[in-house]
Amino acid sequence: MSEYRERTTGEVKSQGEWRAAFKNMSLPRVWTSGVCDAMNIDPVLASPAATTTAYQTSVRDGVEQDSEGNWVEKYVARDMFADTTDDDGKKTTKAEHEKAYQATLDANTAAGHRSTRDSKLAETDFYALSDVTMSSEMTTYRQALRDITAHENWPNLEDADWPTKP
């Protein structure tokens, strides 16, 4: 979405909003610097989101001028959590909120890894049929898959943490 900043007031609007504000002016589809000068506006350029930590989020916080004099989107890092007090007066600290959030993330990650493990086991189930002799390598691989939840990095596994299929 294209945004433009009014030079005098600093008001920022989308191209559609500026078109509506200048409804009696015939405006081209592509706005050049000449069109912007006639309307007394400057384009607002996209900029990267703010750098965040695990418990922060990047939030748009208006526009600002960069070192080259261009108007760009301004982003700031904001904490996702804060100390709270519920209606009954029970206080919950920011750290408790973060811990609960991380527990939810870990549970979701663990569920995804369990699903992957179950799929990998299902791919090799035919080796466990009574009329098939399973190699010791395959037995070791399948046991390693079953034991993956005891891995030191569980549930935050890397690709290298998974056993290699023989």
N, C-alpha and C. Protein backbone atom coordinates (compact mmCIF):
# COMPACT_ATOMS: atom_id res chain seq x y z
N MET A 1 0.85 -1.17 0.00
CA MET A 1 0.00 0.00 0.00
C MET A 1 0.90 1.24 0.00
N SER A 2 0.66 2.10 -0.93
CA SER A 2 1.43 3.35 -1.01
C SER A 2 0.89 4.37 -0.02
N GLU A 3 1.81 4.98 0.71
CA GLU A 3 1.44 6.04 1.65
C GLU A 3 2.22 7.30 1.31
N TYR A 4 1.60 8.42 1.66
CA TYR A 4 2.21 9.72 1.39
C TYR A 4 2.01 10.61 2.60
N ARG A 5 3.01 11.48 2.85
CA ARG A 5 2.99 12.39 3.99
C ARG A 5 2.82 13.81 3.50
N GLU A 6 1.84 14.53 4.06
CA GLU A 6 1.60 15.94 3.72
C GLU A 6 2.72 16.75 4.33
N ARG A 7 3.35 17.59 3.55
CA ARG A 7 4.56 18.32 3.97
C ARG A 7 4.29 19.33 5.08
N THR A 8 3.13 19.95 5.10
CA THR A 8 2.85 20.99 6.08
C THR A 8 2.38 20.41 7.41
N THR A 9 1.39 19.53 7.35
CA THR A 9 0.79 19.02 8.59
C THR A 9 1.43 17.74 9.09
N GLY A 10 2.12 17.00 8.21
CA GLY A 10 2.70 15.72 8.60
C GLY A 10 1.70 14.58 8.55
N GLU A 11 0.50 14.83 8.08
CA GLU A 11 -0.53 13.81 8.01
C GLU A 11 -0.15 12.75 6.98
N VAL A 12 -0.32 11.48 7.35
CA VAL A 12 0.01 10.37 6.47
C VAL A 12 -1.28 9.67 6.06
N LYS A 13 -1.43 9.49 4.74
CA LYS A 13 -2.61 8.81 4.21
C LYS A 13 -2.19 7.90 3.07
N SER A 14 -3.06 6.94 2.77
CA SER A 14 -2.83 6.06 1.63
C SER A 14 -3.10 6.83 0.34
N GLN A 15 -2.67 6.26 -0.77
CA GLN A 15 -2.90 6.90 -2.05
C GLN A 15 -4.41 7.07 -2.30
N GLY A 16 -5.18 6.07 -1.93
CA GLY A 16 -6.63 6.17 -2.09
C GLY A 16 -7.25 7.29 -1.27
N GLU A 17 -6.75 7.46 -0.05
CA GLU A 17 -7.25 8.54 0.80
C GLU A 17 -6.87 9.90 0.23
N TRP A 18 -5.66 10.02 -0.33
CA TRP A 18 -5.27 11.30 -0.95
C TRP A 18 -6.08 11.56 -2.21
N ARG A 19 -6.37 10.50 -2.97
CA ARG A 19 -7.22 10.68 -4.15
C ARG A 19 -8.59 11.23 -3.75
N ALA A 20 -9.14 10.68 -2.66
CA ALA A 20 -10.44 11.16 -2.18
C ALA A 20 -10.35 12.60 -1.70
N ALA A 21 -9.23 12.96 -1.08
CA ALA A 21 -9.06 14.34 -0.60
C ALA A 21 -8.91 15.32 -1.75
N PHE A 22 -8.38 14.86 -2.86
CA PHE A 22 -8.20 15.69 -4.05
C PHE A 22 -9.15 15.22 -5.15
N LYS A 23 -10.42 14.99 -4.79
CA LYS A 23 -11.37 14.41 -5.74
C LYS A 23 -11.63 15.30 -6.95
N ASN A 24 -11.38 16.60 -6.86
CA ASN A 24 -11.60 17.50 -8.00
C ASN A 24 -10.36 17.64 -8.88
N MET A 25 -9.30 16.90 -8.53
CA MET A 25 -8.07 16.97 -9.31
C MET A 25 -7.92 15.67 -10.09
N SER A 26 -7.60 15.78 -11.36
CA SER A 26 -7.35 14.61 -12.18
C SER A 26 -5.95 14.11 -11.89
N LEU A 27 -5.85 12.89 -11.35
CA LEU A 27 -4.55 12.35 -10.94
C LEU A 27 -4.18 11.14 -11.80
N PRO A 28 -2.92 11.06 -12.20
CA PRO A 28 -2.49 9.91 -13.00
C PRO A 28 -2.41 8.66 -12.15
N ARG A 29 -2.31 7.53 -12.80
CA ARG A 29 -2.20 6.25 -12.09
C ARG A 29 -0.89 6.17 -11.31
N VAL A 30 0.21 6.57 -11.94
CA VAL A 30 1.53 6.56 -11.29
C VAL A 30 1.87 7.98 -10.87
N TRP A 31 2.22 8.15 -9.60
CA TRP A 31 2.52 9.47 -9.07
C TRP A 31 4.02 9.74 -9.15
N THR A 32 4.39 10.71 -9.93
CA THR A 32 5.79 11.13 -10.06
C THR A 32 6.09 12.20 -9.01
N SER A 33 7.33 12.65 -8.99
CA SER A 33 7.70 13.71 -8.05
C SER A 33 6.93 15.00 -8.37
N GLY A 34 6.62 15.23 -9.64
CA GLY A 34 5.85 16.41 -10.02
C GLY A 34 4.44 16.37 -9.46
N VAL A 35 3.82 15.22 -9.49
CA VAL A 35 2.47 15.06 -8.92
C VAL A 35 2.54 15.29 -7.42
N CYS A 36 3.54 14.71 -6.78
CA CYS A 36 3.69 14.88 -5.32
C CYS A 36 3.91 16.36 -4.98
N ASP A 37 4.72 17.06 -5.77
CA ASP A 37 4.96 18.48 -5.53
C ASP A 37 3.66 19.27 -5.66
N ALA A 38 2.85 18.95 -6.66
CA ALA A 38 1.58 19.66 -6.88
C ALA A 38 0.62 19.43 -5.71
N MET A 39 0.70 18.26 -5.09
CA MET A 39 -0.18 17.93 -3.98
C MET A 39 0.44 18.28 -2.62
N ASN A 40 1.73 18.71 -2.63
CA ASN A 40 2.46 19.05 -1.41
C ASN A 40 2.61 17.84 -0.48
N ILE A 41 2.94 16.70 -1.08
CA ILE A 41 3.12 15.47 -0.30
C ILE A 41 4.44 14.81 -0.68
N ASP A 42 4.91 13.93 0.18
CA ASP A 42 6.10 13.13 -0.07
C ASP A 42 5.74 11.66 0.10
N PRO A 43 6.33 10.79 -0.73
CA PRO A 43 6.07 9.35 -0.54
C PRO A 43 6.70 8.85 0.75
N VAL A 44 6.06 7.87 1.35
CA VAL A 44 6.60 7.20 2.53
C VAL A 44 7.12 5.85 2.03
N LEU A 45 8.42 5.64 2.21
CA LEU A 45 9.06 4.42 1.73
C LEU A 45 9.01 3.32 2.78
N ALA A 46 9.02 2.08 2.32
CA ALA A 46 9.03 0.93 3.22
C ALA A 46 10.37 0.86 3.93
N SER A 47 10.37 0.36 5.13
CA SER A 47 11.61 0.15 5.88
C SER A 47 11.50 -1.17 6.63
N PRO A 48 12.64 -1.73 7.05
CA PRO A 48 12.59 -3.01 7.74
C PRO A 48 11.99 -2.89 9.14
N ALA A 49 11.44 -3.99 9.60
CA ALA A 49 10.89 -4.04 10.95
C ALA A 49 12.00 -3.90 11.98
N ALA A 50 11.64 -3.52 13.18
CA ALA A 50 12.62 -3.38 14.26
C ALA A 50 13.17 -4.74 14.66
N THR A 51 14.39 -4.76 15.13
CA THR A 51 15.00 -5.98 15.64
C THR A 51 14.38 -6.28 17.00
N THR A 52 13.95 -7.52 17.19
CA THR A 52 13.24 -7.88 18.41
C THR A 52 13.91 -9.07 19.10
N THR A 53 13.54 -9.25 20.37
CA THR A 53 13.94 -10.44 21.12
C THR A 53 12.78 -11.43 21.05
N ALA A 54 12.92 -12.56 21.74
CA ALA A 54 11.90 -13.61 21.69
C ALA A 54 10.55 -13.15 22.24
N TYR A 55 10.57 -12.19 23.16
CA TYR A 55 9.32 -11.75 23.78
C TYR A 55 8.98 -10.32 23.41
N GLN A 56 9.37 -9.92 22.23
CA GLN A 56 9.03 -8.60 21.71
C GLN A 56 8.41 -8.75 20.33
N THR A 57 7.75 -7.71 19.90
CA THR A 57 7.18 -7.66 18.56
C THR A 57 7.52 -6.32 17.94
N SER A 58 7.62 -6.29 16.63
CA SER A 58 7.90 -5.05 15.91
C SER A 58 6.57 -4.38 15.58
N VAL A 59 6.45 -3.10 15.95
CA VAL A 59 5.20 -2.37 15.78
C VAL A 59 5.46 -1.08 14.99
N ARG A 60 4.59 -0.80 14.05
CA ARG A 60 4.71 0.44 13.28
C ARG A 60 4.40 1.61 14.20
N ASP A 61 5.27 2.62 14.16
CA ASP A 61 5.13 3.77 15.04
C ASP A 61 5.28 5.06 14.23
N GLY A 62 4.45 5.19 13.21
CA GLY A 62 4.45 6.40 12.40
C GLY A 62 5.51 6.38 11.32
N VAL A 63 5.99 7.58 10.97
CA VAL A 63 7.03 7.73 9.95
C VAL A 63 8.13 8.63 10.49
N GLU A 64 9.30 8.54 9.87
CA GLU A 64 10.42 9.38 10.26
C GLU A 64 11.28 9.63 9.03
N GLN A 65 12.13 10.64 9.11
CA GLN A 65 13.04 10.92 8.01
C GLN A 65 14.32 10.14 8.20
N ASP A 66 14.80 9.54 7.11
CA ASP A 66 16.07 8.83 7.20
C ASP A 66 17.23 9.80 6.95
N SER A 67 18.44 9.28 6.92
CA SER A 67 19.62 10.12 6.78
C SER A 67 19.70 10.81 5.42
N GLU A 68 18.93 10.33 4.44
CA GLU A 68 18.94 10.93 3.10
C GLU A 68 17.76 11.88 2.89
N GLY A 69 16.99 12.11 3.93
CA GLY A 69 15.86 13.03 3.84
C GLY A 69 14.58 12.40 3.33
N ASN A 70 14.55 11.10 3.12
CA ASN A 70 13.34 10.41 2.69
C ASN A 70 12.46 10.11 3.90
N TRP A 71 11.16 10.11 3.67
CA TRP A 71 10.24 9.71 4.73
C TRP A 71 10.08 8.20 4.63
N VAL A 72 10.27 7.51 5.76
CA VAL A 72 10.21 6.05 5.81
C VAL A 72 9.33 5.61 6.98
N GLU A 73 8.82 4.39 6.87
CA GLU A 73 8.04 3.82 7.97
C GLU A 73 8.95 3.67 9.19
N LYS A 74 8.41 3.96 10.36
CA LYS A 74 9.18 3.82 11.60
C LYS A 74 8.63 2.63 12.38
N TYR A 75 9.51 1.75 12.77
CA TYR A 75 9.13 0.59 13.57
C TYR A 75 9.89 0.61 14.89
N VAL A 76 9.23 0.17 15.95
CA VAL A 76 9.87 0.05 17.26
C VAL A 76 9.60 -1.35 17.81
N ALA A 77 10.50 -1.81 18.67
CA ALA A 77 10.32 -3.09 19.35
C ALA A 77 9.53 -2.85 20.63
N ARG A 78 8.45 -3.59 20.79
CA ARG A 78 7.62 -3.48 22.00
C ARG A 78 7.56 -4.83 22.69
N ASP A 79 7.57 -4.78 24.01
CA ASP A 79 7.42 -6.01 24.79
C ASP A 79 6.04 -6.60 24.54
N MET A 80 5.99 -7.92 24.43
CA MET A 80 4.72 -8.60 24.23
C MET A 80 3.93 -8.69 25.55
N PHE A 81 4.64 -8.64 26.65
CA PHE A 81 4.00 -8.86 27.95
C PHE A 81 4.36 -7.76 28.93
N ALA A 82 3.51 -7.62 29.95
CA ALA A 82 3.74 -6.67 31.04
C ALA A 82 3.12 -7.26 32.31
N ASP A 83 3.46 -6.69 33.45
CA ASP A 83 2.81 -7.10 34.69
C ASP A 83 1.33 -6.76 34.59
N THR A 84 0.47 -7.68 35.06
CA THR A 84 -0.97 -7.45 35.00
C THR A 84 -1.62 -7.77 36.34
N THR A 85 -2.80 -7.22 36.53
CA THR A 85 -3.63 -7.54 37.69
C THR A 85 -5.03 -7.83 37.18
N ASP A 86 -5.56 -9.01 37.53
CA ASP A 86 -6.90 -9.35 37.05
C ASP A 86 -7.98 -8.73 37.93
N ASP A 87 -9.22 -8.99 37.62
CA ASP A 87 -10.35 -8.38 38.33
C ASP A 87 -10.39 -8.78 39.81
N ASP A 88 -9.82 -9.93 40.15
CA ASP A 88 -9.80 -10.39 41.53
C ASP A 88 -8.59 -9.88 42.30
N GLY A 89 -7.75 -9.07 41.65
CA GLY A 89 -6.58 -8.51 42.31
C GLY A 89 -5.34 -9.39 42.24
N LYS A 90 -5.43 -10.52 41.51
CA LYS A 90 -4.28 -11.41 41.38
C LYS A 90 -3.29 -10.81 40.39
N LYS A 91 -2.04 -10.67 40.85
CA LYS A 91 -0.99 -10.09 40.00
C LYS A 91 -0.21 -11.18 39.29
N THR A 92 0.08 -10.93 38.02
CA THR A 92 0.91 -11.82 37.23
C THR A 92 2.05 -11.00 36.67
N THR A 93 3.27 -11.47 36.90
CA THR A 93 4.44 -10.70 36.45
C THR A 93 4.71 -10.92 34.97
N LYS A 94 5.47 -10.02 34.42
CA LYS A 94 5.89 -10.13 33.03
C LYS A 94 6.62 -11.46 32.82
N ALA A 95 7.49 -11.83 33.77
CA ALA A 95 8.25 -13.09 33.67
C ALA A 95 7.32 -14.30 33.65
N GLU A 96 6.25 -14.26 34.44
CA GLU A 96 5.29 -15.37 34.44
C GLU A 96 4.57 -15.47 33.10
N HIS A 97 4.20 -14.33 32.52
CA HIS A 97 3.57 -14.32 31.20
C HIS A 97 4.52 -14.91 30.15
N GLU A 98 5.79 -14.50 30.21
CA GLU A 98 6.78 -14.99 29.25
C GLU A 98 6.98 -16.50 29.41
N LYS A 99 7.01 -16.96 30.65
CA LYS A 99 7.20 -18.40 30.90
C LYS A 99 6.02 -19.19 30.35
N ALA A 100 4.80 -18.69 30.55
CA ALA A 100 3.62 -19.38 30.03
C ALA A 100 3.61 -19.38 28.50
N TYR A 101 4.00 -18.27 27.91
CA TYR A 101 4.08 -18.16 26.45
C TYR A 101 5.10 -19.15 25.91
N GLN A 102 6.27 -19.21 26.54
CA GLN A 102 7.32 -20.14 26.09
C GLN A 102 6.86 -21.58 26.24
N ALA A 103 6.13 -21.88 27.31
CA ALA A 103 5.61 -23.24 27.51
C ALA A 103 4.66 -23.61 26.37
N THR A 104 3.84 -22.65 25.94
CA THR A 104 2.93 -22.90 24.82
C THR A 104 3.71 -23.13 23.53
N LEU A 105 4.72 -22.30 23.30
CA LEU A 105 5.55 -22.48 22.10
C LEU A 105 6.23 -23.85 22.12
N ASP A 106 6.79 -24.23 23.27
CA ASP A 106 7.47 -25.52 23.39
C ASP A 106 6.49 -26.68 23.18
N ALA A 107 5.28 -26.56 23.71
CA ALA A 107 4.28 -27.62 23.54
C ALA A 107 3.90 -27.77 22.07
N ASN A 108 3.74 -26.66 21.37
CA ASN A 108 3.41 -26.72 19.94
C ASN A 108 4.56 -27.31 19.13
N THR A 109 5.79 -26.92 19.48
CA THR A 109 6.96 -27.47 18.79
C THR A 109 7.06 -28.96 19.05
N ALA A 110 6.85 -29.36 20.31
CA ALA A 110 6.93 -30.78 20.66
C ALA A 110 5.87 -31.58 19.90
N ALA A 111 4.68 -31.05 19.79
CA ALA A 111 3.61 -31.75 19.06
C ALA A 111 4.00 -31.93 17.59
N GLY A 112 4.59 -30.91 17.00
CA GLY A 112 5.03 -31.02 15.61
C GLY A 112 6.13 -32.07 15.45
N HIS A 113 7.07 -32.10 16.39
CA HIS A 113 8.15 -33.08 16.32
C HIS A 113 7.64 -34.50 16.57
N ARG A 114 6.66 -34.64 17.45
CA ARG A 114 6.07 -35.97 17.67
C ARG A 114 5.39 -36.47 16.39
N SER A 115 4.73 -35.56 15.71
CA SER A 115 4.09 -35.91 14.44
C SER A 115 5.13 -36.35 13.40
N THR A 116 6.23 -35.61 13.33
CA THR A 116 7.32 -35.97 12.41
C THR A 116 7.89 -37.33 12.78
N ARG A 117 8.11 -37.55 14.08
CA ARG A 117 8.63 -38.84 14.54
C ARG A 117 7.68 -39.97 14.17
N ASP A 118 6.37 -39.76 14.39
CA ASP A 118 5.39 -40.79 14.07
C ASP A 118 5.39 -41.10 12.57
N SER A 119 5.55 -40.09 11.74
CA SER A 119 5.61 -40.30 10.29
C SER A 119 6.85 -41.10 9.91
N LYS A 120 7.97 -40.76 10.54
CA LYS A 120 9.22 -41.49 10.24
C LYS A 120 9.11 -42.95 10.69
N LEU A 121 8.45 -43.19 11.81
CA LEU A 121 8.23 -44.58 12.25
C LEU A 121 7.29 -45.31 11.29
N ALA A 122 6.24 -44.62 10.85
CA ALA A 122 5.28 -45.25 9.93
C ALA A 122 5.95 -45.63 8.61
N GLU A 123 6.92 -44.80 8.18
CA GLU A 123 7.64 -45.11 6.93
C GLU A 123 8.42 -46.42 7.03
N THR A 124 8.77 -46.81 8.24
CA THR A 124 9.58 -48.02 8.41
C THR A 124 8.83 -49.15 9.10
N ASP A 125 7.51 -49.01 9.26
CA ASP A 125 6.73 -50.04 9.95
C ASP A 125 6.80 -51.40 9.26
N PHE A 126 6.91 -51.40 7.94
CA PHE A 126 6.90 -52.67 7.23
C PHE A 126 8.10 -53.54 7.60
N TYR A 127 9.19 -52.90 8.13
CA TYR A 127 10.34 -53.68 8.59
C TYR A 127 10.01 -54.46 9.87
N ALA A 128 8.97 -54.04 10.57
CA ALA A 128 8.63 -54.68 11.83
C ALA A 128 7.59 -55.79 11.68
N LEU A 129 7.21 -56.10 10.42
CA LEU A 129 6.27 -57.20 10.20
C LEU A 129 6.89 -58.53 10.57
N SER A 130 6.05 -59.47 10.96
CA SER A 130 6.57 -60.75 11.44
C SER A 130 7.31 -61.54 10.37
N ASP A 131 7.02 -61.32 9.10
CA ASP A 131 7.68 -62.08 8.04
C ASP A 131 8.89 -61.35 7.45
N VAL A 132 9.33 -60.26 8.10
CA VAL A 132 10.49 -59.50 7.64
C VAL A 132 11.53 -59.48 8.76
N THR A 133 12.76 -59.71 8.38
CA THR A 133 13.84 -59.64 9.36
C THR A 133 14.40 -58.22 9.37
N MET A 134 14.27 -57.57 10.52
CA MET A 134 14.72 -56.18 10.64
C MET A 134 16.21 -56.17 10.97
N SER A 135 16.95 -55.32 10.24
CA SER A 135 18.39 -55.21 10.51
C SER A 135 18.60 -54.53 11.85
N SER A 136 19.77 -54.72 12.41
CA SER A 136 20.07 -54.08 13.70
C SER A 136 20.14 -52.56 13.54
N GLU A 137 20.59 -52.08 12.36
CA GLU A 137 20.63 -50.64 12.10
C GLU A 137 19.22 -50.03 12.11
N MET A 138 18.28 -50.78 11.50
CA MET A 138 16.90 -50.28 11.46
C MET A 138 16.30 -50.33 12.86
N THR A 139 16.59 -51.35 13.62
CA THR A 139 16.11 -51.45 15.00
C THR A 139 16.63 -50.28 15.82
N THR A 140 17.92 -49.96 15.65
CA THR A 140 18.54 -48.84 16.36
C THR A 140 17.91 -47.52 15.95
N TYR A 141 17.68 -47.35 14.66
CA TYR A 141 17.06 -46.13 14.13
C TYR A 141 15.66 -45.94 14.71
N ARG A 142 14.86 -46.99 14.67
CA ARG A 142 13.48 -46.88 15.18
C ARG A 142 13.47 -46.61 16.68
N GLN A 143 14.41 -47.22 17.42
CA GLN A 143 14.48 -46.95 18.86
C GLN A 143 14.91 -45.51 19.11
N ALA A 144 15.83 -45.00 18.31
CA ALA A 144 16.27 -43.61 18.45
C ALA A 144 15.10 -42.65 18.19
N LEU A 145 14.26 -43.00 17.24
CA LEU A 145 13.07 -42.17 16.99
C LEU A 145 12.15 -42.18 18.20
N ARG A 146 11.95 -43.37 18.79
CA ARG A 146 11.08 -43.44 19.97
C ARG A 146 11.66 -42.67 21.15
N ASP A 147 13.00 -42.62 21.23
CA ASP A 147 13.67 -41.95 22.36
C ASP A 147 13.94 -40.46 22.10
N ILE A 148 13.49 -39.93 20.97
CA ILE A 148 13.82 -38.54 20.60
C ILE A 148 13.33 -37.54 21.65
N THR A 149 12.24 -37.86 22.36
CA THR A 149 11.72 -36.93 23.37
C THR A 149 12.66 -36.80 24.58
N ALA A 150 13.63 -37.71 24.71
CA ALA A 150 14.60 -37.63 25.79
C ALA A 150 15.88 -36.91 25.35
N HIS A 151 15.91 -36.44 24.11
CA HIS A 151 17.09 -35.75 23.58
C HIS A 151 17.33 -34.48 24.39
N GLU A 152 18.59 -34.11 24.57
CA GLU A 152 18.95 -32.94 25.40
C GLU A 152 18.39 -31.63 24.83
N ASN A 153 18.15 -31.56 23.54
CA ASN A 153 17.62 -30.33 22.93
C ASN A 153 16.10 -30.33 22.81
N TRP A 154 15.43 -31.39 23.27
CA TRP A 154 13.98 -31.47 23.15
C TRP A 154 13.32 -30.32 23.86
N PRO A 155 12.34 -29.62 23.30
CA PRO A 155 11.71 -29.86 22.00
C PRO A 155 12.32 -29.03 20.87
N ASN A 156 13.38 -28.30 21.16
CA ASN A 156 13.97 -27.39 20.16
C ASN A 156 15.06 -28.11 19.37
N LEU A 157 14.65 -29.09 18.59
CA LEU A 157 15.59 -29.92 17.85
C LEU A 157 16.08 -29.22 16.59
N GLU A 158 17.30 -29.52 16.23
CA GLU A 158 17.89 -29.10 14.96
C GLU A 158 17.79 -30.31 14.03
N ASP A 159 18.00 -30.09 12.75
CA ASP A 159 17.96 -31.21 11.80
C ASP A 159 18.99 -32.27 12.17
N ALA A 160 20.14 -31.86 12.65
CA ALA A 160 21.21 -32.80 13.01
C ALA A 160 20.87 -33.64 14.23
N ASP A 161 19.87 -33.26 15.01
CA ASP A 161 19.50 -33.99 16.21
C ASP A 161 18.69 -35.25 15.89
N TRP A 162 18.13 -35.31 14.71
CA TRP A 162 17.31 -36.46 14.32
C TRP A 162 18.23 -37.62 13.91
N PRO A 163 17.82 -38.85 14.24
CA PRO A 163 18.64 -39.99 13.81
C PRO A 163 18.60 -40.13 12.27
N THR A 164 19.65 -40.70 11.74
CA THR A 164 19.76 -40.89 10.29
C THR A 164 19.21 -42.26 9.92
N LYS A 165 18.32 -42.25 8.95
CA LYS A 165 17.72 -43.51 8.49
C LYS A 165 18.77 -44.33 7.77
N PRO A 166 18.90 -45.61 8.13
CA PRO A 166 19.90 -46.47 7.47
C PRO A 166 19.52 -46.78 6.02
